Structure formats: structure tokens, C-alpha cells
């Protein structure tokens, strides 16, 4: 079969011929129809991800049909929980936790072998391409926004970086929770586009004093980190929550600790989510008929163009590869 693997070639990701997996016991063989890219796939491509193992099939997000395995799963169209060994503690992942697609072979291949307990049926209102965009980004956003951020009716929620896949799920979860939702972005065009999702207003973070017109928020959902953290501390309500699930702009040069403790604010870390939260996330998506935004769909032979599109600053939503 064909699979997109990480190699030591001058172009690190290659579409290669690899062995089709064989299943036994409770394992399922899923014929992948669509798989979505995530930031970790690009980081692996750039050699910026810990523990890279050459020859591994990349990809954490996928949708497909169960071709072989336990009878109750055969023929079903499914999405795959990207967690590997989350563990028994719902508050935090185990010490041997990893994510599908490194070091375990991932979804960017014609077939993948996974235990049956990793599967959930595809939400019926989603196409295969839309469903493939859901697992990793949806789970990350659900935990950060609903579970840790506490978004609900009556709350004012700010989601930063409105163009990304996770942030758009965070917007969708916050809007459907009943919260009043705002965003930041470096693009006025992206701000206007997410208003169609129910966002009330947005702020361009390239404007130095953007936070002065923003008001105050009960919850801020952020993946950027960096020096904006101190701006968030200026606009978080007393006892509010700043939930951080990434650090794309690196470390802050300093933290306004006085403002932090005086406001009684909470800065909370979040990454992915538990297996139970994956089930809850899918149920929420089903109930509210949430649909991810797919920026572009590529055939597998155009995988390099898909990865390059992911790097482009103007991409909006998820990049999906079709097999």
C-alpha cells in the first residue's frame, strides 16, 4: 500500500510503498478515505518534533471504512481517536502517552491498523473529508474550551488565532455553548469570515493596542503564548481562565506576575483530551451539527502541495488529503 512516511531524504516526507497491516483479535483494519494534516505533521517534516522515528507513517486524523476486524465494526465508516495510552487519570495523560502518527503509524496511508476501542462512528452530517478534520483538533479544542475553559451561556470568551483548525473548533464549541465569542487574528479577512460562525467581534493583534477596545473576558483560549500573555492578563476578568494549548510564538519575555495574582486569574495548560472527552466531543458535534472548515482537499499524489499549503499563512481551516 501507499503511505506518507518520514525519511532522511532531502525532502523528509515521501509517498512510499509499505506493507499493508494485518489484524488479529480486537484490531480493525480501516481503509482510509481521507486524512487531515496537523501542525505536528509539519513540525515532524521540519525535524522540530521530539523522538522522530524514520519510516513512520505520519497523520493523526483520519476517516475510513472498517474492512476487517470484529464483526460489529465491519463496513462501518469511522473516525479514529488519535490518543495512544492516555491512561486512567482524566486530568492528565500518562507518562507513556503519545499521539497517532509518531511513533505509532498514522492515518496518512491507504490502510491503518487500530484497536477497535479507538473507533467511533462518523457523525452522519459530515462528509468523509469533514470527518477526517475532526479528531485531533476537535478533541484539543473541546477540552480547552468546554472542559477547562468553562465556556457556557453568559460567559465572554476570546479565542485567539482565528484561522487555525483548533481555534475554529474552539469557536464552534464556544458559540454552541451559548457563550458570547470574540476572536483575534492578524487578518481582517479571517475575522470577517469567522463572524459567519457566530463570532460577535474580532481584534487584529497586529495593532499594538488592540486589547484596549476588547473589554474583559471570562475565558481566553490561546495557542500562541509569547508576549501576548501579558495583554491577556490585562483583559481577563477577576478569577478568569486563560487556557493555553500551544506556544507557536514561543516564551514570553516576562510575565506580569502582579497583575496575575491580584486578578486571581488562572493560567491553565491543556493538550489533547482524554478518551472519555473524545466520546463527549463527538456527541457535542453530533448534537449541534458542527462542521469543520476544510481549506483545501488534495489527492494523495499531491501530498507535498498539501503540506506546503499548510505552511501558508493565509490558509483557513483544515488541509485534507484524499486516498
Foldseek 3Di string as FASTA:
>chain_A
DWFWWAAPDPQGTDTDDDDQDDDDDQKWKWQFFKAFDDPVVLCVRVVNDPQDDGPAGAGQFTWGATCDGDPVRHGFIKIFAQKDQQDDDQVGRDPPIDGDGPPHHHDRGRIDMDGPLRIDGQQPLDDRQQRRLDRFLLQQLCCQQVVVQVQAAPFEEEEEAQQEANSLSNLLVNVVRNYAYEYEHLDPVSQVVCVVSVHDYYFRVVPPPRLVPVAAGQEYEEAAEEQCQQSNLVRYAQQHEYEYAHHNNDYYPDHPVVSCVVSNYYYHYTHRGDSVSSVVSSVVCNVVVDTWDEQDEAESVCVVVLSVLVPDPPGGTIYMYGD
